[in-house]
C-alpha atoms as a PDB file:
ATOM      1  CA  UNK A   1     -46.453 104.120 161.979  1.00  0.00           C
ATOM      2  CA  UNK A   2     -49.896 105.501 161.228  1.00  0.00           C
ATOM      3  CA  UNK A   3     -52.356 105.842 164.087  1.00  0.00           C
ATOM      4  CA  UNK A   4     -56.119 105.987 163.809  1.00  0.00           C
ATOM      5  CA  UNK A   5     -59.165 106.649 165.929  1.00  0.00           C
ATOM      6  CA  UNK A   6     -62.767 105.678 165.247  1.00  0.00           C
ATOM      7  CA  UNK A   7     -65.630 108.053 165.982  1.00  0.00           C
ATOM      8  CA  UNK A   8     -69.104 106.410 165.953  1.00  0.00           C
ATOM      9  CA  UNK A   9     -71.284 109.280 164.759  1.00  0.00           C
ATOM     10  CA  UNK A  10     -74.898 110.121 164.076  1.00  0.00           C
ATOM     11  CA  UNK A  11     -78.136 108.180 164.505  1.00  0.00           C
ATOM     12  CA  UNK A  12     -76.692 105.037 162.898  1.00  0.00           C
ATOM     13  CA  UNK A  13     -73.389 105.210 164.820  1.00  0.00           C
ATOM     14  CA  UNK A  14     -71.354 105.239 161.641  1.00  0.00           C
ATOM     15  CA  UNK A  15     -67.617 104.887 162.175  1.00  0.00           C
ATOM     16  CA  UNK A  16     -65.659 107.889 160.964  1.00  0.00           C
ATOM     17  CA  UNK A  17     -61.903 107.326 161.057  1.00  0.00           C
ATOM     18  CA  UNK A  18     -59.194 109.912 161.602  1.00  0.00           C
ATOM     19  CA  UNK A  19     -55.850 108.561 160.428  1.00  0.00           C
ATOM     20  CA  UNK A  20     -52.740 110.481 161.511  1.00  0.00           C
ATOM     21  CA  UNK A  21     -49.222 110.269 160.097  1.00  0.00           C
ATOM     22  CA  UNK A  22     -46.050 109.420 161.993  1.00  0.00           C
ATOM     23  CA  UNK A  23     -45.141 113.084 162.534  1.00  0.00           C
ATOM     24  CA  UNK A  24     -48.549 113.819 164.114  1.00  0.00           C
ATOM     25  CA  UNK A  25     -48.954 116.784 161.765  1.00  0.00           C
ATOM     26  CA  UNK A  26     -51.104 115.405 158.936  1.00  0.00           C
ATOM     27  CA  UNK A  27     -54.349 113.472 158.818  1.00  0.00           C
ATOM     28  CA  UNK A  28     -57.013 112.079 156.549  1.00  0.00           C
ATOM     29  CA  UNK A  29     -60.657 111.556 157.463  1.00  0.00           C
ATOM     30  CA  UNK A  30     -62.595 108.550 156.210  1.00  0.00           C
ATOM     31  CA  UNK A  31     -66.419 108.722 156.115  1.00  0.00           C
ATOM     32  CA  UNK A  32     -67.226 111.806 158.220  1.00  0.00           C
ATOM     33  CA  UNK A  33     -70.879 111.068 158.932  1.00  0.00           C
ATOM     34  CA  UNK A  34     -71.283 114.311 160.870  1.00  0.00           C
ATOM     35  CA  UNK A  35     -69.071 117.257 161.733  1.00  0.00           C
ATOM     36  CA  UNK A  36     -68.951 116.028 165.308  1.00  0.00           C
ATOM     37  CA  UNK A  37     -67.114 118.269 167.822  1.00  0.00           C
ATOM     38  CA  UNK A  38     -64.960 115.363 169.029  1.00  0.00           C
ATOM     39  CA  UNK A  39     -63.849 114.611 165.489  1.00  0.00           C
ATOM     40  CA  UNK A  40     -63.116 118.279 164.817  1.00  0.00           C
ATOM     41  CA  UNK A  41     -61.048 118.503 168.002  1.00  0.00           C
ATOM     42  CA  UNK A  42     -59.045 115.472 166.903  1.00  0.00           C
ATOM     43  CA  UNK A  43     -57.981 117.122 163.641  1.00  0.00           C
ATOM     44  CA  UNK A  44     -57.592 120.647 165.049  1.00  0.00           C
ATOM     45  CA  UNK A  45     -54.052 121.812 164.385  1.00  0.00           C
ATOM     46  CA  UNK A  46     -53.423 119.069 161.810  1.00  0.00           C
ATOM     47  CA  UNK A  47     -53.176 119.395 158.054  1.00  0.00           C
ATOM     48  CA  UNK A  48     -56.083 117.361 156.669  1.00  0.00           C
ATOM     49  CA  UNK A  49     -54.842 116.019 153.354  1.00  0.00           C
ATOM     50  CA  UNK A  50     -58.050 114.395 152.137  1.00  0.00           C
ATOM     51  CA  UNK A  51     -61.516 113.100 152.896  1.00  0.00           C
ATOM     52  CA  UNK A  52     -61.979 109.544 151.631  1.00  0.00           C
ATOM     53  CA  UNK A  53     -65.486 108.174 151.200  1.00  0.00           C
ATOM     54  CA  UNK A  54     -66.128 104.449 151.067  1.00  0.00           C
ATOM     55  CA  UNK A  55     -69.555 105.261 149.609  1.00  0.00           C
ATOM     56  CA  UNK A  56     -72.119 108.045 149.653  1.00  0.00           C
ATOM     57  CA  UNK A  57     -74.973 106.953 151.900  1.00  0.00           C
ATOM     58  CA  UNK A  58     -76.109 109.853 154.065  1.00  0.00           C
ATOM     59  CA  UNK A  59     -74.684 108.469 157.302  1.00  0.00           C
ATOM     60  CA  UNK A  60     -71.173 108.522 155.829  1.00  0.00           C
ATOM     61  CA  UNK A  61     -71.200 112.003 154.254  1.00  0.00           C
ATOM     62  CA  UNK A  62     -72.960 114.437 156.615  1.00  0.00           C
ATOM     63  CA  UNK A  63     -69.749 116.151 157.731  1.00  0.00           C
ATOM     64  CA  UNK A  64     -68.090 116.421 154.323  1.00  0.00           C
ATOM     65  CA  UNK A  65     -68.774 120.063 153.513  1.00  0.00           C
ATOM     66  CA  UNK A  66     -67.857 121.448 156.937  1.00  0.00           C
ATOM     67  CA  UNK A  67     -64.544 119.590 156.980  1.00  0.00           C
ATOM     68  CA  UNK A  68     -63.801 120.469 153.372  1.00  0.00           C
ATOM     69  CA  UNK A  69     -64.458 124.150 154.054  1.00  0.00           C
ATOM     70  CA  UNK A  70     -62.356 124.225 157.241  1.00  0.00           C
ATOM     71  CA  UNK A  71     -59.321 122.448 155.800  1.00  0.00           C
ATOM     72  CA  UNK A  72     -59.615 123.100 152.048  1.00  0.00           C
ATOM     73  CA  UNK A  73     -59.066 119.394 151.480  1.00  0.00           C
ATOM     74  CA  UNK A  74     -60.195 117.327 148.488  1.00  0.00           C
ATOM     75  CA  UNK A  75     -62.954 114.715 148.663  1.00  0.00           C
ATOM     76  CA  UNK A  76     -62.523 111.334 146.953  1.00  0.00           C
ATOM     77  CA  UNK A  77     -65.471 109.146 145.860  1.00  0.00           C
ATOM     78  CA  UNK A  78     -66.186 106.463 143.268  1.00  0.00           C
ATOM     79  CA  UNK A  79     -67.799 107.978 140.142  1.00  0.00           C
ATOM     80  CA  UNK A  80     -70.828 105.670 140.299  1.00  0.00           C
ATOM     81  CA  UNK A  81     -71.985 107.701 143.290  1.00  0.00           C
ATOM     82  CA  UNK A  82     -70.679 111.166 142.445  1.00  0.00           C
ATOM     83  CA  UNK A  83     -74.201 112.621 142.202  1.00  0.00           C
ATOM     84  CA  UNK A  84     -75.322 111.005 145.485  1.00  0.00           C
ATOM     85  CA  UNK A  85     -73.576 113.736 147.462  1.00  0.00           C
ATOM     86  CA  UNK A  86     -75.904 116.372 146.015  1.00  0.00           C
ATOM     87  CA  UNK A  87     -79.117 114.317 145.970  1.00  0.00           C
ATOM     88  CA  UNK A  88     -80.928 113.323 149.216  1.00  0.00           C
ATOM     89  CA  UNK A  89     -83.060 110.841 147.295  1.00  0.00           C
ATOM     90  CA  UNK A  90     -79.986 108.955 146.111  1.00  0.00           C
ATOM     91  CA  UNK A  91     -77.960 109.132 149.343  1.00  0.00           C
ATOM     92  CA  UNK A  92     -80.946 107.873 151.339  1.00  0.00           C
ATOM     93  CA  UNK A  93     -81.528 110.831 153.621  1.00  0.00           C
ATOM     94  CA  UNK A  94     -84.884 111.607 151.990  1.00  0.00           C
ATOM     95  CA  UNK A  95     -85.988 108.029 152.630  1.00  0.00           C
ATOM     96  CA  UNK A  96     -84.927 108.063 156.290  1.00  0.00           C
ATOM     97  CA  UNK A  97     -86.602 111.329 157.262  1.00  0.00           C
ATOM     98  CA  UNK A  98     -87.435 109.913 160.694  1.00  0.00           C
ATOM     99  CA  UNK A  99     -83.730 109.868 161.624  1.00  0.00           C
ATOM    100  CA  UNK A 100     -82.152 112.658 159.584  1.00  0.00           C
ATOM    101  CA  UNK A 101     -82.814 115.899 157.777  1.00  0.00           C
ATOM    102  CA  UNK A 102     -81.985 115.879 154.050  1.00  0.00           C
ATOM    103  CA  UNK A 103     -78.225 115.590 153.580  1.00  0.00           C
ATOM    104  CA  UNK A 104     -76.550 117.409 150.706  1.00  0.00           C
ATOM    105  CA  UNK A 105     -72.931 118.142 149.911  1.00  0.00           C
ATOM    106  CA  UNK A 106     -70.958 119.573 147.075  1.00  0.00           C
ATOM    107  CA  UNK A 107     -69.680 117.118 144.446  1.00  0.00           C
ATOM    108  CA  UNK A 108     -66.449 115.167 144.990  1.00  0.00           C
ATOM    109  CA  UNK A 109     -63.140 116.625 143.883  1.00  0.00           C
ATOM    110  CA  UNK A 110     -61.565 113.368 142.709  1.00  0.00           C
ATOM    111  CA  UNK A 111     -62.778 109.987 141.470  1.00  0.00           C
ATOM    112  CA  UNK A 112     -61.665 106.613 142.799  1.00  0.00           C
ATOM    113  CA  UNK A 113     -61.119 103.492 140.732  1.00  0.00           C
ATOM    114  CA  UNK A 114     -60.260  99.885 141.468  1.00  0.00           C
ATOM    115  CA  UNK A 115     -56.545  99.371 141.940  1.00  0.00           C
ATOM    116  CA  UNK A 116     -55.788 103.067 142.299  1.00  0.00           C
ATOM    117  CA  UNK A 117     -52.997 103.922 144.714  1.00  0.00           C
ATOM    118  CA  UNK A 118     -53.327 107.139 146.677  1.00  0.00           C
ATOM    119  CA  UNK A 119     -50.202 108.635 148.212  1.00  0.00           C
ATOM    120  CA  UNK A 120     -51.361 110.153 151.492  1.00  0.00           C
ATOM    121  CA  UNK A 121     -49.632 110.714 154.848  1.00  0.00           C
ATOM    122  CA  UNK A 122     -46.434 109.311 153.356  1.00  0.00           C
ATOM    123  CA  UNK A 123     -48.157 105.947 152.824  1.00  0.00           C
ATOM    124  CA  UNK A 124     -49.986 104.140 150.010  1.00  0.00           C
ATOM    125  CA  UNK A 125     -53.729 103.624 150.249  1.00  0.00           C
ATOM    126  CA  UNK A 126     -54.924 101.090 147.698  1.00  0.00           C
ATOM    127  CA  UNK A 127     -58.496 101.421 146.438  1.00  0.00           C
ATOM    128  CA  UNK A 128     -60.510  98.221 146.050  1.00  0.00           C
ATOM    129  CA  UNK A 129     -63.907  98.550 144.391  1.00  0.00           C
ATOM    130  CA  UNK A 130     -66.219  96.427 146.548  1.00  0.00           C
ATOM    131  CA  UNK A 131     -69.772  96.917 145.235  1.00  0.00           C
ATOM    132  CA  UNK A 132     -72.799  95.102 146.563  1.00  0.00           C
ATOM    133  CA  UNK A 133     -73.882  97.281 149.465  1.00  0.00           C
ATOM    134  CA  UNK A 134     -73.949 100.131 146.970  1.00  0.00           C
ATOM    135  CA  UNK A 135     -72.653 100.334 143.390  1.00  0.00           C
ATOM    136  CA  UNK A 136     -69.760 102.665 144.154  1.00  0.00           C
ATOM    137  CA  UNK A 137     -68.611 101.152 147.432  1.00  0.00           C
ATOM    138  CA  UNK A 138     -64.857 100.953 147.854  1.00  0.00           C
ATOM    139  CA  UNK A 139     -62.486  99.757 150.555  1.00  0.00           C
ATOM    140  CA  UNK A 140     -59.082 101.231 151.353  1.00  0.00           C
ATOM    141  CA  UNK A 141     -56.031  99.095 152.161  1.00  0.00           C
ATOM    142  CA  UNK A 142     -52.977 100.582 153.835  1.00  0.00           C
ATOM    143  CA  UNK A 143     -50.441  98.061 155.058  1.00  0.00           C
ATOM    144  CA  UNK A 144     -52.246  95.745 157.452  1.00  0.00           C
ATOM    145  CA  UNK A 145     -55.276  98.060 157.775  1.00  0.00           C
ATOM    146  CA  UNK A 146     -58.490  97.656 155.792  1.00  0.00           C
ATOM    147  CA  UNK A 147     -61.078 100.422 155.918  1.00  0.00           C
ATOM    148  CA  UNK A 148     -64.006  98.349 154.681  1.00  0.00           C
ATOM    149  CA  UNK A 149     -66.924 100.764 154.722  1.00  0.00           C
ATOM    150  CA  UNK A 150     -70.200  98.868 154.759  1.00  0.00           C
ATOM    151  CA  UNK A 151     -68.945  95.863 152.798  1.00  0.00           C
ATOM    152  CA  UNK A 152     -67.719  93.692 155.666  1.00  0.00           C
ATOM    153  CA  UNK A 153     -68.538  93.845 159.371  1.00  0.00           C
ATOM    154  CA  UNK A 154     -67.594  91.648 162.307  1.00  0.00           C
ATOM    155  CA  UNK A 155     -69.645  88.475 161.771  1.00  0.00           C
ATOM    156  CA  UNK A 156     -71.834  90.309 159.284  1.00  0.00           C
ATOM    157  CA  UNK A 157     -71.961  92.158 155.971  1.00  0.00           C
ATOM    158  CA  UNK A 158     -73.565  95.319 154.632  1.00  0.00           C
ATOM    159  CA  UNK A 159     -77.248  95.253 153.799  1.00  0.00           C
ATOM    160  CA  UNK A 160     -78.137  94.787 150.143  1.00  0.00           C
ATOM    161  CA  UNK A 161     -81.829  95.723 150.136  1.00  0.00           C
ATOM    162  CA  UNK A 162     -81.202  99.414 149.438  1.00  0.00           C
ATOM    163  CA  UNK A 163     -81.242 100.867 145.890  1.00  0.00           C
ATOM    164  CA  UNK A 164     -78.188  99.658 143.991  1.00  0.00           C
ATOM    165  CA  UNK A 165     -77.487  96.831 146.428  1.00  0.00           C
ATOM    166  CA  UNK A 166     -77.005  93.227 145.300  1.00  0.00           C
ATOM    167  CA  UNK A 167     -76.217  90.245 147.520  1.00  0.00           C
ATOM    168  CA  UNK A 168     -74.321  88.121 144.987  1.00  0.00           C
ATOM    169  CA  UNK A 169     -72.229  91.124 143.989  1.00  0.00           C
ATOM    170  CA  UNK A 170     -71.334  91.819 147.618  1.00  0.00           C
ATOM    171  CA  UNK A 171     -70.393  88.191 148.229  1.00  0.00           C
ATOM    172  CA  UNK A 172     -68.130  88.265 145.172  1.00  0.00           C
ATOM    173  CA  UNK A 173     -66.548  91.532 146.326  1.00  0.00           C
ATOM    174  CA  UNK A 174     -65.765  90.159 149.764  1.00  0.00           C
ATOM    175  CA  UNK A 175     -64.353  86.869 148.533  1.00  0.00           C
ATOM    176  CA  UNK A 176     -62.303  88.265 145.653  1.00  0.00           C
ATOM    177  CA  UNK A 177     -61.157  91.630 147.025  1.00  0.00           C
ATOM    178  CA  UNK A 178     -61.144  91.324 150.833  1.00  0.00           C
ATOM    179  CA  UNK A 179     -60.633  87.655 151.698  1.00  0.00           C
ATOM    180  CA  UNK A 180     -57.599  87.793 149.385  1.00  0.00           C
ATOM    181  CA  UNK A 181     -55.834  89.931 151.999  1.00  0.00           C
ATOM    182  CA  UNK A 182     -53.624  88.347 154.692  1.00  0.00           C
ATOM    183  CA  UNK A 183     -55.503  86.830 157.615  1.00  0.00           C
ATOM    184  CA  UNK A 184     -53.966  89.278 160.097  1.00  0.00           C
ATOM    185  CA  UNK A 185     -55.306  92.308 158.211  1.00  0.00           C
ATOM    186  CA  UNK A 186     -57.270  94.479 160.646  1.00  0.00           C
ATOM    187  CA  UNK A 187     -60.767  95.190 159.316  1.00  0.00           C
ATOM    188  CA  UNK A 188     -62.095  98.614 160.302  1.00  0.00           C
ATOM    189  CA  UNK A 189     -65.766  98.605 159.290  1.00  0.00           C
ATOM    190  CA  UNK A 190     -68.306 101.358 158.756  1.00  0.00           C
ATOM    191  CA  UNK A 191     -70.317 100.165 161.764  1.00  0.00           C
ATOM    192  CA  UNK A 192     -69.448  98.160 164.843  1.00  0.00           C
ATOM    193  CA  UNK A 193     -66.195  96.759 166.200  1.00  0.00           C
ATOM    194  CA  UNK A 194     -63.018  95.875 164.360  1.00  0.00           C
ATOM    195  CA  UNK A 195     -62.223  92.339 163.290  1.00  0.00           C
ATOM    196  CA  UNK A 196     -59.653  90.565 161.107  1.00  0.00           C
ATOM    197  CA  UNK A 197     -59.803  88.945 157.711  1.00  0.00           C
ATOM    198  CA  UNK A 198     -58.880  85.583 159.218  1.00  0.00           C
ATOM    199  CA  UNK A 199     -61.649  85.790 161.791  1.00  0.00           C
ATOM    200  CA  UNK A 200     -64.249  86.616 159.148  1.00  0.00           C
ATOM    201  CA  UNK A 201     -63.117  83.836 156.826  1.00  0.00           C
ATOM    202  CA  UNK A 202     -63.608  81.394 159.699  1.00  0.00           C
ATOM    203  CA  UNK A 203     -66.644  82.846 161.467  1.00  0.00           C
ATOM    204  CA  UNK A 204     -68.718  85.053 159.162  1.00  0.00           C
ATOM    205  CA  UNK A 205     -72.055  83.233 158.610  1.00  0.00           C
ATOM    206  CA  UNK A 206     -73.020  85.372 155.610  1.00  0.00           C
ATOM    207  CA  UNK A 207     -69.871  84.928 153.514  1.00  0.00           C
ATOM    208  CA  UNK A 208     -67.866  81.894 154.611  1.00  0.00           C
ATOM    209  CA  UNK A 209     -64.558  81.396 152.880  1.00  0.00           C
ATOM    210  CA  UNK A 210     -64.630  78.903 150.041  1.00  0.00           C
ATOM    211  CA  UNK A 211     -62.843  75.604 150.763  1.00  0.00           C
END
């Protein structure tokens, strides 16, 4: 059984996730917002197979290059945001200069697409394109785990007032791609505490489930 640990990192307390395989020898890192010492200690001695990015806003990508250099691991990102890694204006760090220095990274190694199945840690991670917060936002489903990025939060959703955001698109993404999952699916969001699909269908005031 896979295990995971969340690391709230950086000025926006973005959740980075370290997911470890059953042998406790391999890991993947999802959304390394910074190269935080605690996160680096967690993966020390492990083989990091990949860095998965739910999207390329600055608070999700600040640790990409340091981890990629240390572990020679590939970075996966949706192609609609492939140039955001290299451009502080597009990833938002230039806009938020009061909370961060400009964030730049090398380009991704691999593209993600809707329905793609990644074989990592001996498990299948399904890619679901969930735009609305940003055009290239994706979520990753592995068994009963959903790494939702900034699409769906506990009792909330990702903001849509940033460049490339769109409220109706996000609502459609959540209803068609995320609420279609079983109710007991554990939602691991980009910010804040975990929740479940069933709880959000019942209680989320921004995107209630359709009757």
